[in-house]
Amino acid sequence: MLPLRCRCGVRRLALAALLLTQVGCSSTSFFYNRLDTLINWYVDDYVTLTRDQRAEFDNQLNELLAWHRREELPRYADLLTQFENDLDPELEPEAVERLFQALSDAADRLEIRSLDLMVGYGASLSQEQRLEFMDGMQREQGEQREEMLSRSDQQYLDDVRERFADNLARFMGRLTPEQKALIDQRIAGYRRLDGPWLDDREQWLAQLQLIVAEDAPDWPAQVWAVLEGREANRSSDYRDVFDNNSRISRDVFREVINQRTAKQDKRLRRKINGYRGDFIALAAQADQGSVKQ
């Protein structure tokens, strides 16, 4: 039982963004083909596995990644084609909604398959190992609370503004003063989500901790009930802040892209074509039974 780690307020989009950004690597393929190693590093931070357990986890993880290559990456390629078509004459609000919903749906599919792997694999671990993992999750919760809530309101907005500017510049190149000013203006309407997110996470972590400690025969079903009920059990404050920030994010995304210069437009389309080619090539590797380059 190894629930996926999520960052503040972006449970769905973070998973898709993981596969749609380079994160400093030289190519999408380079990063994607090392996802198994990165995930294993993450797992190692939380639970100590035997050699046999590691081998079984690697087998199940490879099956998950093969599914993602085979079924999801072609959808990503189609999504990029649709997005490029939607750029002209300008990006409409409906197109942005469609894009963000498609990313959300893709992340949901990946999360369900990933959690299925994690919960199922957790059944092969000892209770001591499951408790070790939960202790690691609780430790991380405390670290994130200290890190996130130590920021002032202005620091929070500065972090959001910097992420927006950096992510857009990665695809469009250097932003114009007008685009930067637009981001500054819109981000001022952001509300802090880190507190409600931490409270929400703390609640379901406590529930999971109790389930693991009791170690009832049906504990996997209990875990699934908690994980599947997270969204329904979120506070109205969380929902209001998330909806507000999501709306602003979509508006900033659309308005900055619609202000793109000819040079930025060329770079954006080159990036789209590059990622689309990477996704198609990676999907073809799955058909050939290849997991590594």
Protein backbone atom coordinates (compact mmCIF):
# COMPACT_ATOMS: atom_id res chain seq x y z
CA MET A 1 0.00 0.00 0.00
CA LEU A 2 2.05 2.90 -1.31
CA PRO A 3 -0.18 5.90 -2.16
CA LEU A 4 1.24 8.31 -4.69
CA ARG A 5 2.69 11.52 -3.35
CA CYS A 6 0.88 14.70 -4.50
CA ARG A 7 1.84 18.35 -4.36
CA CYS A 8 -0.37 21.20 -3.23
CA GLY A 9 -3.69 21.35 -5.07
CA VAL A 10 -2.61 19.71 -8.28
CA ARG A 11 -3.36 16.03 -7.63
CA ARG A 12 -4.60 15.37 -11.14
CA LEU A 13 -2.52 17.69 -13.24
CA ALA A 14 0.74 16.87 -11.49
CA LEU A 15 0.71 13.31 -12.76
CA ALA A 16 0.13 14.40 -16.34
CA ALA A 17 2.66 17.21 -16.04
CA LEU A 18 5.23 14.63 -14.91
CA LEU A 19 5.05 13.09 -18.36
CA LEU A 20 4.60 16.33 -20.33
CA THR A 21 7.66 18.21 -19.06
CA GLN A 22 11.35 17.55 -19.42
CA VAL A 23 12.33 18.48 -15.87
CA GLY A 24 15.76 19.53 -17.00
CA CYS A 25 16.60 16.35 -18.94
CA SER A 26 17.87 16.47 -22.49
CA SER A 27 14.80 14.83 -24.00
CA THR A 28 11.38 13.49 -23.12
CA SER A 29 12.49 9.99 -24.03
CA PHE A 30 15.52 10.21 -21.72
CA PHE A 31 13.31 11.15 -18.78
CA TYR A 32 10.44 8.80 -19.58
CA ASN A 33 12.72 5.80 -19.98
CA ARG A 34 14.03 6.39 -16.47
CA LEU A 35 10.68 6.66 -14.74
CA ASP A 36 11.09 3.19 -13.28
CA THR A 37 14.37 4.22 -11.66
CA LEU A 38 12.88 7.46 -10.33
CA ILE A 39 9.88 5.65 -8.87
CA ASN A 40 12.14 3.09 -7.25
CA TRP A 41 14.17 5.88 -5.66
CA TYR A 42 10.94 7.30 -4.28
CA VAL A 43 9.84 3.94 -2.87
CA ASP A 44 13.27 3.43 -1.28
CA ASP A 45 12.71 6.59 0.76
CA TYR A 46 9.73 5.01 2.49
CA VAL A 47 10.10 1.25 2.80
CA THR A 48 12.92 -1.31 2.89
CA LEU A 49 12.32 -4.14 0.39
CA THR A 50 13.98 -7.51 0.11
CA ARG A 51 15.62 -8.51 -3.16
CA ASP A 52 12.65 -10.70 -4.12
CA GLN A 53 10.18 -7.96 -3.24
CA ARG A 54 12.15 -5.48 -5.33
CA ALA A 55 12.12 -7.84 -8.32
CA GLU A 56 8.35 -8.33 -8.05
CA PHE A 57 7.77 -4.59 -7.72
CA ASP A 58 9.92 -3.96 -10.80
CA ASN A 59 7.86 -6.49 -12.79
CA GLN A 60 4.58 -4.87 -11.84
CA LEU A 61 5.95 -1.39 -12.49
CA ASN A 62 7.14 -2.41 -15.95
CA GLU A 63 3.63 -3.67 -16.73
CA LEU A 64 2.21 -0.31 -15.67
CA LEU A 65 4.69 1.63 -17.81
CA ALA A 66 4.06 -0.66 -20.79
CA TRP A 67 0.32 0.03 -20.46
CA HIS A 68 1.01 3.76 -20.33
CA ARG A 69 3.18 3.68 -23.44
CA ARG A 70 0.75 1.52 -25.36
CA GLU A 71 -2.56 3.19 -24.46
CA GLU A 72 -1.89 6.64 -23.04
CA LEU A 73 0.95 8.13 -25.06
CA PRO A 74 -1.00 7.95 -28.36
CA ARG A 75 -3.76 9.91 -26.61
CA TYR A 76 -1.20 12.50 -25.55
CA ALA A 77 -0.03 12.83 -29.15
CA ASP A 78 -3.62 13.36 -30.32
CA LEU A 79 -4.17 15.89 -27.55
CA LEU A 80 -1.17 17.90 -28.73
CA THR A 81 -2.48 17.85 -32.30
CA GLN A 82 -5.82 19.17 -31.10
CA PHE A 83 -4.11 21.84 -29.02
CA GLU A 84 -2.04 23.04 -31.98
CA ASN A 85 -5.18 23.21 -34.13
CA ASP A 86 -6.89 25.26 -31.41
CA LEU A 87 -4.17 27.92 -31.46
CA ASP A 88 -5.58 29.58 -34.58
CA PRO A 89 -6.92 32.17 -34.87
CA GLU A 90 -6.62 32.30 -31.08
CA LEU A 91 -7.02 29.97 -28.13
CA GLU A 92 -10.65 30.08 -26.98
CA PRO A 93 -11.82 29.43 -23.39
CA GLU A 94 -13.64 26.30 -24.57
CA ALA A 95 -10.42 24.90 -26.03
CA VAL A 96 -8.57 25.49 -22.77
CA GLU A 97 -11.34 23.79 -20.82
CA ARG A 98 -11.14 20.84 -23.18
CA LEU A 99 -7.36 20.65 -22.80
CA PHE A 100 -7.38 20.85 -19.01
CA GLN A 101 -10.19 18.30 -18.76
CA ALA A 102 -8.31 15.91 -21.02
CA LEU A 103 -5.20 16.28 -18.86
CA SER A 104 -7.27 15.71 -15.76
CA ASP A 105 -8.85 12.59 -17.25
CA ALA A 106 -5.44 11.27 -18.28
CA ALA A 107 -4.06 11.84 -14.80
CA ASP A 108 -7.08 10.11 -13.26
CA ARG A 109 -6.52 7.04 -15.42
CA LEU A 110 -2.85 6.94 -14.47
CA GLU A 111 -3.59 7.46 -10.79
CA ILE A 112 -6.13 4.63 -10.69
CA ARG A 113 -3.74 2.19 -12.36
CA SER A 114 -0.89 3.32 -10.12
CA LEU A 115 -2.88 3.03 -6.92
CA ASP A 116 -4.11 -0.38 -8.00
CA LEU A 117 -0.48 -1.45 -8.33
CA MET A 118 0.51 0.09 -5.02
CA VAL A 119 -2.35 -1.25 -2.93
CA GLY A 120 -2.11 -4.68 -4.53
CA TYR A 121 1.63 -4.80 -4.02
CA GLY A 122 1.22 -3.65 -0.42
CA ALA A 123 -0.60 -6.89 0.29
CA SER A 124 2.67 -8.75 -0.28
CA LEU A 125 4.49 -6.71 2.36
CA SER A 126 4.62 -7.42 6.06
CA GLN A 127 2.69 -5.25 8.47
CA GLU A 128 6.03 -3.95 9.73
CA GLN A 129 6.90 -2.76 6.21
CA ARG A 130 3.51 -1.14 5.75
CA LEU A 131 3.91 0.68 9.06
CA GLU A 132 7.40 1.77 7.99
CA PHE A 133 5.95 3.25 4.84
CA MET A 134 3.22 5.10 6.74
CA ASP A 135 5.80 6.47 9.16
CA GLY A 136 7.69 7.83 6.14
CA MET A 137 4.54 9.45 4.80
CA GLN A 138 3.84 11.06 8.16
CA ARG A 139 7.42 12.31 8.36
CA GLU A 140 7.09 13.84 4.90
CA GLN A 141 3.80 15.45 5.93
CA GLY A 142 5.53 17.24 8.79
CA GLU A 143 8.36 18.39 6.53
CA GLN A 144 5.97 19.74 3.94
CA ARG A 145 3.87 21.52 6.55
CA GLU A 146 6.95 23.26 7.91
CA GLU A 147 8.22 24.15 4.44
CA MET A 148 4.94 25.37 2.98
CA LEU A 149 3.46 27.26 5.91
CA SER A 150 6.72 29.05 6.72
CA ARG A 151 6.16 31.17 3.60
CA SER A 152 4.52 34.56 3.88
CA ASP A 153 1.53 35.33 1.70
CA GLN A 154 3.78 37.35 -0.58
CA GLN A 155 6.29 34.50 -0.85
CA TYR A 156 3.44 32.16 -1.75
CA LEU A 157 2.33 34.42 -4.61
CA ASP A 158 5.93 34.89 -5.72
CA ASP A 159 6.37 31.10 -5.93
CA VAL A 160 3.20 30.73 -7.99
CA ARG A 161 4.21 33.58 -10.28
CA GLU A 162 7.68 32.12 -10.81
CA ARG A 163 6.30 28.68 -11.67
CA PHE A 164 3.89 30.14 -14.20
CA ALA A 165 6.54 32.25 -15.87
CA ASP A 166 9.10 29.43 -15.96
CA ASN A 167 6.67 26.85 -17.36
CA LEU A 168 5.36 29.15 -20.08
CA ALA A 169 8.86 30.32 -20.99
CA ARG A 170 9.98 26.70 -21.36
CA PHE A 171 7.56 26.31 -24.25
CA MET A 172 7.41 29.86 -25.64
CA GLY A 173 10.84 31.28 -24.91
CA ARG A 174 11.51 34.55 -23.11
CA LEU A 175 8.26 36.26 -22.09
CA THR A 176 7.55 39.85 -23.05
CA PRO A 177 7.13 42.59 -20.39
CA GLU A 178 3.40 42.63 -21.23
CA GLN A 179 3.08 38.89 -20.64
CA LYS A 180 4.94 39.13 -17.35
CA ALA A 181 2.70 42.01 -16.27
CA LEU A 182 -0.38 39.97 -17.15
CA ILE A 183 0.85 37.08 -15.00
CA ASP A 184 1.56 39.47 -12.11
CA GLN A 185 -1.92 40.95 -12.37
CA ARG A 186 -3.81 37.66 -12.55
CA ILE A 187 -1.79 35.83 -9.89
CA ALA A 188 -2.68 38.54 -7.38
CA GLY A 189 -6.11 36.88 -7.26
CA TYR A 190 -4.67 33.53 -6.16
CA ARG A 191 -5.64 32.27 -2.71
CA ARG A 192 -3.47 30.05 -0.54
CA LEU A 193 -4.20 26.38 -0.98
CA ASP A 194 -1.27 24.94 0.95
CA GLY A 195 -3.04 25.05 4.34
CA PRO A 196 -6.30 23.37 3.19
CA TRP A 197 -4.28 20.85 1.13
CA LEU A 198 -2.13 19.90 4.12
CA ASP A 199 -5.21 19.56 6.34
CA ASP A 200 -6.91 17.35 3.76
CA ARG A 201 -3.82 15.18 3.37
CA GLU A 202 -3.37 14.90 7.12
CA GLN A 203 -6.91 13.62 7.48
CA TRP A 204 -6.62 10.75 5.02
CA LEU A 205 -3.09 9.88 6.17
CA ALA A 206 -4.46 9.45 9.71
CA GLN A 207 -7.17 7.17 8.35
CA LEU A 208 -4.64 5.06 6.46
CA GLN A 209 -2.35 4.89 9.48
CA LEU A 210 -5.17 3.47 11.57
CA ILE A 211 -6.11 0.91 8.92
CA VAL A 212 -2.53 -0.31 8.60
CA ALA A 213 -2.10 -0.50 12.38
CA GLU A 214 -5.28 -2.56 12.82
CA ASP A 215 -4.24 -4.90 9.99
CA ALA A 216 -7.72 -6.32 9.40
CA PRO A 217 -8.04 -9.01 6.71
CA ASP A 218 -9.91 -6.57 4.44
CA TRP A 219 -7.44 -3.70 4.89
CA PRO A 220 -6.90 -3.23 1.10
CA ALA A 221 -10.64 -2.60 0.63
CA GLN A 222 -10.57 -0.14 3.53
CA VAL A 223 -7.61 1.68 1.98
CA TRP A 224 -9.41 1.95 -1.36
CA ALA A 225 -12.49 3.35 0.39
CA VAL A 226 -10.38 6.12 1.93
CA LEU A 227 -8.53 6.92 -1.30
CA GLU A 228 -11.68 6.94 -3.42
CA GLY A 229 -13.48 9.14 -0.90
CA ARG A 230 -10.82 11.85 -0.72
CA GLU A 231 -12.46 14.23 -3.15
CA ALA A 232 -15.96 13.83 -1.74
CA ASN A 233 -14.71 14.46 1.78
CA ARG A 234 -12.80 17.64 1.03
CA SER A 235 -13.86 20.78 2.84
CA SER A 236 -15.84 23.55 1.16
CA ASP A 237 -12.88 25.85 1.82
CA TYR A 238 -10.57 23.55 -0.12
CA ARG A 239 -13.03 23.34 -3.02
CA ASP A 240 -13.58 27.10 -3.16
CA VAL A 241 -9.86 27.90 -3.17
CA PHE A 242 -9.07 25.17 -5.68
CA ASP A 243 -11.82 26.33 -8.06
CA ASN A 244 -10.67 29.95 -7.78
CA ASN A 245 -7.03 29.10 -8.48
CA SER A 246 -7.91 26.70 -11.31
CA ARG A 247 -9.97 29.37 -13.04
CA ILE A 248 -7.13 31.88 -12.78
CA SER A 249 -4.65 29.30 -14.06
CA ARG A 250 -6.73 28.61 -17.16
CA ASP A 251 -7.16 32.33 -17.82
CA VAL A 252 -3.44 33.06 -17.47
CA PHE A 253 -2.54 30.12 -19.71
CA ARG A 254 -4.92 31.25 -22.45
CA GLU A 255 -4.20 34.97 -22.30
CA VAL A 256 -0.41 34.66 -22.30
CA ILE A 257 -0.47 32.22 -25.21
CA ASN A 258 -2.80 34.51 -27.14
CA GLN A 259 -0.28 37.34 -26.66
CA ARG A 260 2.53 35.29 -28.18
CA THR A 261 4.86 36.89 -30.67
CA ALA A 262 5.71 35.34 -34.03
CA LYS A 263 8.97 34.05 -32.55
CA GLN A 264 7.17 32.56 -29.55
CA ASP A 265 4.58 30.98 -31.83
CA LYS A 266 7.31 29.27 -33.83
CA ARG A 267 9.01 27.95 -30.69
CA LEU A 268 5.70 26.76 -29.21
CA ARG A 269 4.81 24.77 -32.33
CA ARG A 270 8.31 23.32 -32.47
CA LYS A 271 7.93 22.16 -28.86
CA ILE A 272 4.51 20.67 -29.58
CA ASN A 273 5.84 18.78 -32.58
CA GLY A 274 8.84 17.57 -30.59
CA TYR A 275 6.76 16.17 -27.77
CA ARG A 276 4.28 14.63 -30.19
CA GLY A 277 7.12 12.87 -32.01
CA ASP A 278 8.55 11.65 -28.71
CA PHE A 279 5.21 10.23 -27.59
CA ILE A 280 4.65 8.44 -30.90
CA ALA A 281 8.16 6.95 -30.80
CA LEU A 282 7.77 5.83 -27.19
CA ALA A 283 4.42 4.21 -27.97
CA ALA A 284 6.04 2.34 -30.85
CA GLN A 285 8.67 0.98 -28.45
CA ALA A 286 5.86 -0.55 -26.39
CA ASP A 287 4.56 -2.32 -29.50
CA GLN A 288 8.06 -3.69 -30.06
CA GLY A 289 8.25 -4.91 -26.47
CA SER A 290 10.98 -2.41 -25.62
CA VAL A 291 10.98 -0.75 -22.21
CA LYS A 292 14.45 0.80 -22.27
CA GLN A 293 16.32 2.61 -24.96
